[in-house]
N, C-alpha and C. Protein backbone atom coordinates (compact mmCIF):
# COMPACT_ATOMS: atom_id res chain seq x y z
N MET A 1 0.84 -1.18 0.00
CA MET A 1 0.00 0.00 0.00
C MET A 1 0.88 1.24 0.00
N ALA A 2 0.47 2.28 -0.69
CA ALA A 2 1.22 3.52 -0.74
C ALA A 2 1.19 4.20 0.63
N ALA A 3 2.35 4.52 1.16
CA ALA A 3 2.43 5.13 2.48
C ALA A 3 2.08 6.62 2.41
N ASP A 4 2.60 7.30 1.42
CA ASP A 4 2.36 8.72 1.26
C ASP A 4 1.59 8.96 -0.03
N PRO A 5 0.78 10.02 -0.06
CA PRO A 5 0.06 10.30 -1.30
C PRO A 5 1.04 10.64 -2.43
N ILE A 6 0.69 10.24 -3.64
CA ILE A 6 1.53 10.55 -4.80
C ILE A 6 1.13 11.88 -5.43
N ALA A 7 -0.07 12.34 -5.10
CA ALA A 7 -0.59 13.60 -5.63
C ALA A 7 -1.79 14.01 -4.79
N ARG A 8 -2.23 15.24 -5.01
CA ARG A 8 -3.42 15.75 -4.33
C ARG A 8 -4.29 16.44 -5.38
N LEU A 9 -5.58 16.05 -5.43
CA LEU A 9 -6.51 16.68 -6.36
C LEU A 9 -6.87 18.08 -5.87
N ARG A 10 -7.49 18.86 -6.73
CA ARG A 10 -7.88 20.23 -6.37
C ARG A 10 -8.82 20.28 -5.17
N ASP A 11 -9.62 19.22 -5.00
CA ASP A 11 -10.55 19.20 -3.87
C ASP A 11 -9.88 18.71 -2.58
N GLY A 12 -8.58 18.44 -2.64
CA GLY A 12 -7.84 17.99 -1.47
C GLY A 12 -7.69 16.48 -1.35
N THR A 13 -8.37 15.73 -2.21
CA THR A 13 -8.27 14.27 -2.17
C THR A 13 -6.83 13.83 -2.38
N GLU A 14 -6.34 12.99 -1.46
CA GLU A 14 -5.00 12.45 -1.60
C GLU A 14 -5.04 11.22 -2.50
N VAL A 15 -4.19 11.21 -3.50
CA VAL A 15 -4.16 10.14 -4.50
C VAL A 15 -3.06 9.14 -4.13
N ALA A 16 -3.41 7.85 -4.10
CA ALA A 16 -2.43 6.79 -3.85
C ALA A 16 -2.06 6.05 -5.13
N ALA A 17 -2.94 6.08 -6.12
CA ALA A 17 -2.71 5.39 -7.39
C ALA A 17 -3.66 5.97 -8.44
N TRP A 18 -3.33 5.72 -9.69
CA TRP A 18 -4.17 6.15 -10.80
C TRP A 18 -4.88 4.96 -11.42
N LEU A 19 -6.10 5.17 -11.85
CA LEU A 19 -6.90 4.16 -12.53
C LEU A 19 -7.09 4.62 -13.97
N PHE A 20 -6.80 3.74 -14.92
CA PHE A 20 -7.00 4.03 -16.34
C PHE A 20 -8.14 3.17 -16.85
N LYS A 21 -9.13 3.83 -17.47
CA LYS A 21 -10.35 3.16 -17.92
C LYS A 21 -10.22 2.65 -19.34
N ALA A 22 -10.65 1.41 -19.53
CA ALA A 22 -10.71 0.81 -20.86
C ALA A 22 -12.17 0.52 -21.19
N LYS A 23 -12.58 0.91 -22.38
CA LYS A 23 -13.96 0.70 -22.81
C LYS A 23 -13.98 -0.40 -23.87
N PRO A 24 -14.48 -1.59 -23.53
CA PRO A 24 -14.47 -2.69 -24.50
C PRO A 24 -15.34 -2.42 -25.73
N GLU A 25 -16.27 -1.48 -25.65
CA GLU A 25 -17.07 -1.15 -26.83
C GLU A 25 -16.28 -0.30 -27.83
N VAL A 26 -15.16 0.27 -27.38
CA VAL A 26 -14.30 1.07 -28.25
C VAL A 26 -13.14 0.24 -28.80
N TRP A 27 -12.61 -0.65 -27.96
CA TRP A 27 -11.45 -1.47 -28.32
C TRP A 27 -11.54 -2.78 -27.56
N ASP A 28 -11.18 -3.88 -28.18
CA ASP A 28 -11.24 -5.19 -27.54
C ASP A 28 -10.08 -5.37 -26.56
N VAL A 29 -10.14 -4.66 -25.46
CA VAL A 29 -9.07 -4.70 -24.47
C VAL A 29 -8.94 -6.08 -23.84
N ILE A 30 -10.05 -6.74 -23.58
CA ILE A 30 -9.99 -8.07 -22.98
C ILE A 30 -9.33 -9.06 -23.95
N GLY A 31 -9.63 -8.94 -25.22
CA GLY A 31 -8.96 -9.76 -26.23
C GLY A 31 -7.46 -9.51 -26.25
N ALA A 32 -7.06 -8.24 -26.13
CA ALA A 32 -5.64 -7.90 -26.10
C ALA A 32 -4.96 -8.47 -24.86
N ILE A 33 -5.65 -8.40 -23.72
CA ILE A 33 -5.09 -8.95 -22.48
C ILE A 33 -4.92 -10.46 -22.61
N LYS A 34 -5.95 -11.13 -23.07
CA LYS A 34 -5.89 -12.59 -23.20
C LYS A 34 -4.83 -13.02 -24.22
N ALA A 35 -4.67 -12.26 -25.31
CA ALA A 35 -3.63 -12.57 -26.30
C ALA A 35 -2.24 -12.42 -25.69
N LYS A 36 -2.04 -11.38 -24.91
CA LYS A 36 -0.73 -11.16 -24.27
C LYS A 36 -0.44 -12.26 -23.26
N LEU A 37 -1.44 -12.66 -22.49
CA LEU A 37 -1.23 -13.72 -21.50
C LEU A 37 -0.94 -15.07 -22.17
N ALA A 38 -1.56 -15.31 -23.33
CA ALA A 38 -1.35 -16.57 -24.05
C ALA A 38 -0.01 -16.60 -24.77
N ASP A 39 0.46 -15.42 -25.20
CA ASP A 39 1.71 -15.33 -25.95
C ASP A 39 2.49 -14.12 -25.49
N PRO A 40 3.50 -14.32 -24.64
CA PRO A 40 4.28 -13.19 -24.13
C PRO A 40 4.90 -12.32 -25.23
N ALA A 41 5.04 -12.85 -26.45
CA ALA A 41 5.58 -12.06 -27.56
C ALA A 41 4.53 -11.15 -28.20
N ALA A 42 3.26 -11.35 -27.86
CA ALA A 42 2.19 -10.51 -28.41
C ALA A 42 2.33 -9.08 -27.88
N PRO A 43 1.81 -8.12 -28.63
CA PRO A 43 1.88 -6.74 -28.14
C PRO A 43 1.17 -6.61 -26.79
N GLY A 44 1.75 -5.85 -25.91
CA GLY A 44 1.15 -5.63 -24.60
C GLY A 44 0.45 -4.28 -24.54
N ILE A 45 -0.06 -3.97 -23.39
CA ILE A 45 -0.66 -2.66 -23.15
C ILE A 45 0.43 -1.84 -22.47
N THR A 46 1.09 -1.00 -23.25
CA THR A 46 2.25 -0.28 -22.75
C THR A 46 2.04 1.22 -22.63
N SER A 47 0.90 1.70 -23.08
CA SER A 47 0.59 3.12 -22.91
C SER A 47 -0.92 3.29 -22.85
N TRP A 48 -1.35 4.47 -22.38
CA TRP A 48 -2.77 4.73 -22.27
C TRP A 48 -3.04 6.19 -22.54
N GLU A 49 -4.24 6.45 -23.06
CA GLU A 49 -4.66 7.81 -23.37
C GLU A 49 -5.29 8.46 -22.15
N MET A 50 -5.04 9.76 -22.01
CA MET A 50 -5.64 10.54 -20.91
C MET A 50 -6.30 11.79 -21.47
N ALA A 51 -7.38 12.20 -20.83
CA ALA A 51 -8.03 13.46 -21.19
C ALA A 51 -7.16 14.62 -20.74
N ALA A 52 -7.21 15.71 -21.49
CA ALA A 52 -6.47 16.91 -21.10
C ALA A 52 -7.13 17.49 -19.85
N SER A 53 -6.39 17.54 -18.76
CA SER A 53 -6.87 18.14 -17.52
C SER A 53 -5.66 18.40 -16.63
N TYR A 54 -5.88 19.08 -15.53
CA TYR A 54 -4.78 19.35 -14.60
C TYR A 54 -4.19 18.06 -14.05
N ARG A 55 -4.95 16.97 -14.08
CA ARG A 55 -4.46 15.70 -13.55
C ARG A 55 -3.28 15.16 -14.34
N VAL A 56 -3.21 15.47 -15.62
CA VAL A 56 -2.08 15.01 -16.44
C VAL A 56 -0.76 15.45 -15.80
N ASP A 57 -0.74 16.66 -15.26
CA ASP A 57 0.48 17.19 -14.63
C ASP A 57 0.81 16.49 -13.31
N LEU A 58 -0.13 15.75 -12.74
CA LEU A 58 0.09 15.04 -11.48
C LEU A 58 0.65 13.64 -11.70
N VAL A 59 0.57 13.14 -12.93
CA VAL A 59 1.00 11.78 -13.25
C VAL A 59 2.50 11.76 -13.51
N SER A 60 3.22 10.85 -12.82
CA SER A 60 4.69 10.77 -12.94
C SER A 60 5.16 9.33 -12.94
N PRO A 61 6.31 9.06 -13.57
CA PRO A 61 6.87 7.71 -13.55
C PRO A 61 7.04 7.18 -12.12
N GLY A 62 6.79 5.89 -11.98
CA GLY A 62 6.94 5.23 -10.68
C GLY A 62 5.68 5.19 -9.85
N GLN A 63 4.68 5.99 -10.21
CA GLN A 63 3.43 5.99 -9.45
C GLN A 63 2.63 4.72 -9.75
N PRO A 64 1.95 4.17 -8.73
CA PRO A 64 1.12 2.98 -8.96
C PRO A 64 -0.08 3.29 -9.85
N CYS A 65 -0.51 2.27 -10.60
CA CYS A 65 -1.69 2.45 -11.45
C CYS A 65 -2.39 1.11 -11.63
N VAL A 66 -3.64 1.18 -12.07
CA VAL A 66 -4.43 -0.01 -12.38
C VAL A 66 -5.14 0.19 -13.70
N LEU A 67 -5.43 -0.91 -14.37
CA LEU A 67 -6.22 -0.90 -15.60
C LEU A 67 -7.61 -1.41 -15.28
N TRP A 68 -8.61 -0.58 -15.53
CA TRP A 68 -10.01 -0.87 -15.22
C TRP A 68 -10.77 -1.04 -16.52
N VAL A 69 -11.48 -2.13 -16.67
CA VAL A 69 -12.33 -2.34 -17.84
C VAL A 69 -13.76 -2.02 -17.44
N THR A 70 -14.40 -1.14 -18.21
CA THR A 70 -15.77 -0.72 -17.92
C THR A 70 -16.76 -1.74 -18.47
N GLY A 71 -18.01 -1.56 -18.10
CA GLY A 71 -19.06 -2.43 -18.61
C GLY A 71 -20.30 -2.40 -17.76
N GLY A 72 -20.25 -1.70 -16.64
CA GLY A 72 -21.42 -1.61 -15.78
C GLY A 72 -21.42 -2.65 -14.68
N ARG A 73 -22.25 -2.41 -13.69
CA ARG A 73 -22.30 -3.29 -12.51
C ARG A 73 -22.67 -4.73 -12.83
N LYS A 74 -23.45 -4.94 -13.86
CA LYS A 74 -23.92 -6.30 -14.16
C LYS A 74 -22.95 -7.09 -15.03
N SER A 75 -21.95 -6.43 -15.60
CA SER A 75 -21.01 -7.13 -16.47
C SER A 75 -19.94 -7.84 -15.65
N PRO A 76 -19.73 -9.13 -15.90
CA PRO A 76 -18.67 -9.84 -15.18
C PRO A 76 -17.27 -9.39 -15.59
N ALA A 77 -17.17 -8.61 -16.67
CA ALA A 77 -15.86 -8.13 -17.13
C ALA A 77 -15.44 -6.85 -16.43
N THR A 78 -16.37 -6.14 -15.80
CA THR A 78 -16.04 -4.86 -15.18
C THR A 78 -15.17 -5.06 -13.96
N GLY A 79 -14.02 -4.39 -13.96
CA GLY A 79 -13.12 -4.47 -12.82
C GLY A 79 -11.68 -4.23 -13.20
N VAL A 80 -10.77 -4.62 -12.31
CA VAL A 80 -9.34 -4.39 -12.47
C VAL A 80 -8.71 -5.59 -13.18
N TRP A 81 -8.11 -5.35 -14.33
CA TRP A 81 -7.46 -6.38 -15.15
C TRP A 81 -5.94 -6.26 -15.13
N GLY A 82 -5.42 -5.18 -14.58
CA GLY A 82 -3.98 -5.00 -14.54
C GLY A 82 -3.57 -4.05 -13.44
N VAL A 83 -2.39 -4.29 -12.88
CA VAL A 83 -1.80 -3.39 -11.89
C VAL A 83 -0.34 -3.18 -12.27
N GLY A 84 0.19 -2.04 -11.90
CA GLY A 84 1.59 -1.76 -12.20
C GLY A 84 1.94 -0.35 -11.83
N GLU A 85 2.74 0.26 -12.70
CA GLU A 85 3.15 1.63 -12.42
C GLU A 85 3.30 2.43 -13.71
N ILE A 86 3.31 3.73 -13.51
CA ILE A 86 3.53 4.66 -14.61
C ILE A 86 4.98 4.50 -15.05
N ALA A 87 5.20 4.32 -16.36
CA ALA A 87 6.55 4.07 -16.87
C ALA A 87 7.22 5.30 -17.47
N THR A 88 6.42 6.26 -17.94
CA THR A 88 6.99 7.45 -18.59
C THR A 88 6.21 8.69 -18.17
N PRO A 89 6.79 9.86 -18.35
CA PRO A 89 5.98 11.07 -18.19
C PRO A 89 4.93 11.13 -19.31
N PRO A 90 3.81 11.80 -19.06
CA PRO A 90 2.81 11.97 -20.12
C PRO A 90 3.37 12.80 -21.28
N TRP A 91 2.85 12.55 -22.49
CA TRP A 91 3.23 13.34 -23.65
C TRP A 91 1.98 13.64 -24.46
N PRO A 92 1.97 14.77 -25.20
CA PRO A 92 0.80 15.09 -26.03
C PRO A 92 0.62 14.04 -27.12
N ASP A 93 -0.61 13.65 -27.36
CA ASP A 93 -0.95 12.70 -28.41
C ASP A 93 -1.12 13.49 -29.70
N SER A 94 -0.21 13.30 -30.62
CA SER A 94 -0.25 14.07 -31.86
C SER A 94 -1.07 13.39 -32.96
N PHE A 95 -1.73 12.29 -32.63
CA PHE A 95 -2.45 11.52 -33.65
C PHE A 95 -3.97 11.70 -33.58
N ARG A 96 -4.45 12.66 -32.83
CA ARG A 96 -5.90 12.86 -32.70
C ARG A 96 -6.45 13.53 -33.95
N GLU A 97 -7.47 12.92 -34.52
CA GLU A 97 -8.11 13.47 -35.72
C GLU A 97 -9.32 14.33 -35.38
N ASP A 98 -9.84 14.20 -34.16
CA ASP A 98 -11.05 14.94 -33.80
C ASP A 98 -10.76 16.33 -33.25
N GLY A 99 -9.48 16.70 -33.16
CA GLY A 99 -9.12 18.02 -32.70
C GLY A 99 -9.05 18.19 -31.19
N ARG A 100 -9.53 17.21 -30.42
CA ARG A 100 -9.46 17.31 -28.96
C ARG A 100 -8.05 16.99 -28.49
N GLN A 101 -7.55 17.79 -27.55
CA GLN A 101 -6.22 17.51 -26.99
C GLN A 101 -6.30 16.32 -26.05
N ARG A 102 -5.43 15.36 -26.26
CA ARG A 102 -5.32 14.19 -25.40
C ARG A 102 -3.83 13.98 -25.10
N PHE A 103 -3.57 13.15 -24.12
CA PHE A 103 -2.20 12.82 -23.75
C PHE A 103 -2.07 11.31 -23.65
N GLU A 104 -0.85 10.83 -23.80
CA GLU A 104 -0.52 9.42 -23.61
C GLU A 104 0.45 9.33 -22.44
N VAL A 105 0.46 8.17 -21.80
CA VAL A 105 1.42 7.90 -20.73
C VAL A 105 1.84 6.44 -20.85
N GLY A 106 3.12 6.18 -20.61
CA GLY A 106 3.62 4.81 -20.64
C GLY A 106 3.26 4.07 -19.37
N LEU A 107 2.89 2.79 -19.52
CA LEU A 107 2.50 1.96 -18.38
C LEU A 107 3.32 0.67 -18.38
N ASP A 108 3.59 0.17 -17.18
CA ASP A 108 4.20 -1.15 -17.00
C ASP A 108 3.21 -1.94 -16.14
N LEU A 109 2.46 -2.84 -16.77
CA LEU A 109 1.35 -3.53 -16.11
C LEU A 109 1.55 -5.03 -16.01
N GLU A 110 1.11 -5.60 -14.90
CA GLU A 110 0.92 -7.04 -14.78
C GLU A 110 -0.56 -7.28 -15.05
N LEU A 111 -0.86 -8.15 -16.01
CA LEU A 111 -2.24 -8.42 -16.41
C LEU A 111 -2.70 -9.76 -15.86
N VAL A 112 -4.02 -9.91 -15.71
CA VAL A 112 -4.58 -11.18 -15.24
C VAL A 112 -5.68 -11.64 -16.19
N ALA A 113 -5.92 -12.96 -16.22
CA ALA A 113 -6.93 -13.55 -17.10
C ALA A 113 -8.34 -13.33 -16.57
N GLU A 114 -8.49 -13.15 -15.28
CA GLU A 114 -9.79 -12.88 -14.65
C GLU A 114 -9.62 -11.66 -13.75
N PRO A 115 -10.53 -10.70 -13.85
CA PRO A 115 -10.35 -9.46 -13.10
C PRO A 115 -10.73 -9.56 -11.63
N VAL A 116 -10.29 -8.56 -10.88
CA VAL A 116 -10.89 -8.30 -9.57
C VAL A 116 -12.15 -7.52 -9.93
N ARG A 117 -13.29 -8.14 -9.75
CA ARG A 117 -14.55 -7.62 -10.27
C ARG A 117 -15.12 -6.46 -9.46
N LEU A 118 -15.79 -5.58 -10.19
CA LEU A 118 -16.49 -4.45 -9.57
C LEU A 118 -17.41 -4.92 -8.46
N ILE A 119 -18.15 -5.99 -8.69
CA ILE A 119 -19.11 -6.47 -7.70
C ILE A 119 -18.40 -6.79 -6.38
N GLU A 120 -17.19 -7.34 -6.45
CA GLU A 120 -16.41 -7.64 -5.25
C GLU A 120 -15.91 -6.35 -4.60
N LEU A 121 -15.37 -5.45 -5.41
CA LEU A 121 -14.81 -4.21 -4.86
C LEU A 121 -15.90 -3.30 -4.31
N ALA A 122 -17.05 -3.22 -4.99
CA ALA A 122 -18.14 -2.35 -4.52
C ALA A 122 -18.67 -2.80 -3.18
N GLY A 123 -18.52 -4.08 -2.85
CA GLY A 123 -18.95 -4.59 -1.55
C GLY A 123 -17.96 -4.32 -0.43
N ASP A 124 -16.79 -3.81 -0.77
CA ASP A 124 -15.76 -3.47 0.22
C ASP A 124 -15.95 -1.99 0.56
N GLU A 125 -16.23 -1.70 1.82
CA GLU A 125 -16.52 -0.30 2.17
C GLU A 125 -15.35 0.63 1.88
N ARG A 126 -14.14 0.11 1.79
CA ARG A 126 -12.99 0.96 1.45
C ARG A 126 -13.07 1.44 0.00
N PHE A 127 -13.75 0.67 -0.86
CA PHE A 127 -13.82 1.00 -2.29
C PHE A 127 -15.19 1.54 -2.69
N SER A 128 -16.17 1.41 -1.85
CA SER A 128 -17.56 1.70 -2.23
C SER A 128 -17.81 3.15 -2.63
N ARG A 129 -16.95 4.08 -2.24
CA ARG A 129 -17.11 5.50 -2.61
C ARG A 129 -16.03 5.94 -3.60
N ALA A 130 -15.40 5.00 -4.26
CA ALA A 130 -14.35 5.33 -5.23
C ALA A 130 -14.90 6.23 -6.34
N GLU A 131 -14.06 7.09 -6.84
CA GLU A 131 -14.45 8.01 -7.91
C GLU A 131 -15.02 7.26 -9.11
N ILE A 132 -14.48 6.12 -9.45
CA ILE A 132 -14.96 5.35 -10.60
C ILE A 132 -16.39 4.84 -10.38
N ILE A 133 -16.80 4.68 -9.14
CA ILE A 133 -18.17 4.28 -8.82
C ILE A 133 -19.09 5.50 -8.73
N ARG A 134 -18.62 6.56 -8.08
CA ARG A 134 -19.42 7.78 -7.92
C ARG A 134 -19.62 8.51 -9.24
N ALA A 135 -18.59 8.50 -10.09
CA ALA A 135 -18.63 9.23 -11.36
C ALA A 135 -18.08 8.34 -12.47
N PRO A 136 -18.83 7.30 -12.86
CA PRO A 136 -18.29 6.31 -13.79
C PRO A 136 -17.91 6.85 -15.17
N ARG A 137 -18.39 8.04 -15.51
CA ARG A 137 -18.05 8.62 -16.81
C ARG A 137 -16.80 9.50 -16.76
N VAL A 138 -16.18 9.62 -15.59
CA VAL A 138 -14.97 10.43 -15.46
C VAL A 138 -13.88 9.87 -16.38
N SER A 139 -13.08 10.76 -16.96
CA SER A 139 -12.03 10.35 -17.89
C SER A 139 -10.76 9.97 -17.15
N SER A 140 -9.93 9.17 -17.79
CA SER A 140 -8.62 8.81 -17.25
C SER A 140 -7.71 10.04 -17.28
N PRO A 141 -6.89 10.18 -16.23
CA PRO A 141 -6.66 9.29 -15.10
C PRO A 141 -7.67 9.53 -13.98
N VAL A 142 -8.13 8.45 -13.39
CA VAL A 142 -9.08 8.48 -12.28
C VAL A 142 -8.28 8.27 -11.00
N ALA A 143 -8.61 9.01 -9.96
CA ALA A 143 -7.87 8.93 -8.70
C ALA A 143 -8.35 7.76 -7.84
N LEU A 144 -7.39 7.11 -7.19
CA LEU A 144 -7.68 6.11 -6.15
C LEU A 144 -7.04 6.58 -4.86
N THR A 145 -7.79 6.55 -3.76
CA THR A 145 -7.24 6.88 -2.45
C THR A 145 -6.45 5.68 -1.93
N ALA A 146 -5.75 5.88 -0.82
CA ALA A 146 -4.99 4.79 -0.21
C ALA A 146 -5.90 3.63 0.18
N ALA A 147 -7.06 3.92 0.76
CA ALA A 147 -7.99 2.86 1.16
C ALA A 147 -8.51 2.10 -0.05
N GLU A 148 -8.84 2.82 -1.12
CA GLU A 148 -9.35 2.18 -2.34
C GLU A 148 -8.28 1.29 -2.98
N PHE A 149 -7.05 1.78 -3.02
CA PHE A 149 -5.96 0.99 -3.58
C PHE A 149 -5.66 -0.23 -2.71
N GLU A 150 -5.78 -0.06 -1.41
CA GLU A 150 -5.59 -1.18 -0.49
C GLU A 150 -6.65 -2.26 -0.72
N ALA A 151 -7.88 -1.86 -1.00
CA ALA A 151 -8.94 -2.84 -1.29
C ALA A 151 -8.59 -3.65 -2.53
N ILE A 152 -8.04 -2.98 -3.55
CA ILE A 152 -7.60 -3.69 -4.76
C ILE A 152 -6.43 -4.62 -4.42
N GLU A 153 -5.49 -4.10 -3.66
CA GLU A 153 -4.32 -4.90 -3.25
C GLU A 153 -4.75 -6.17 -2.53
N ASP A 154 -5.68 -6.04 -1.60
CA ASP A 154 -6.15 -7.19 -0.82
C ASP A 154 -6.89 -8.21 -1.69
N ALA A 155 -7.54 -7.75 -2.76
CA ALA A 155 -8.31 -8.64 -3.63
C ALA A 155 -7.47 -9.21 -4.78
N TRP A 156 -6.30 -8.62 -5.04
CA TRP A 156 -5.49 -9.03 -6.19
C TRP A 156 -4.94 -10.44 -5.97
N PRO A 157 -5.07 -11.32 -6.97
CA PRO A 157 -4.60 -12.70 -6.82
C PRO A 157 -3.10 -12.75 -6.50
N GLY A 158 -2.76 -13.30 -5.34
CA GLY A 158 -1.36 -13.43 -4.95
C GLY A 158 -0.73 -12.15 -4.44
N GLY A 159 -1.50 -11.10 -4.26
CA GLY A 159 -0.95 -9.82 -3.82
C GLY A 159 -0.39 -9.04 -5.00
N LEU A 160 -0.22 -7.74 -4.79
CA LEU A 160 0.28 -6.90 -5.87
C LEU A 160 1.74 -7.19 -6.17
N PRO A 161 2.16 -7.02 -7.43
CA PRO A 161 3.56 -7.24 -7.79
C PRO A 161 4.46 -6.30 -6.99
N GLY A 162 5.60 -6.79 -6.58
CA GLY A 162 6.56 -5.96 -5.85
C GLY A 162 6.29 -5.88 -4.37
N ASN A 163 5.22 -6.49 -3.88
CA ASN A 163 4.92 -6.45 -2.44
C ASN A 163 5.27 -7.76 -1.78
């Protein structure tokens, strides 16, 4: 578990880790995860897109992060599919065709074949008020408090990498 906050949001919330949202209706992220797990030579998930916001400036290499797949409370796929850390500083995404400013950040993730499911995490009072639950449409990066990250850590198969 993170001992000290890695960042502080404008509202004073202390951040222990970042959550990056994956939308399976936009990209087959679960297929990519399963392909990587089946074949270590397959392309991995090594970077992620972020919305332009003040939070981009709070993201730094070495900070803990998780990969969250969306799908709603009833979807068995919704939950944490990867944990790891930020690998690079954010950089502007120069490939956007819609004109909206976005950023990319490098990630170093350990992926799993079965997620720590939303249904399990939502039942943990440490996670039940997480930003991803209160505001599911919030853009990446999403903040996780120390208690929320600890709930993920406790539910992660075999414990988090590096612990």
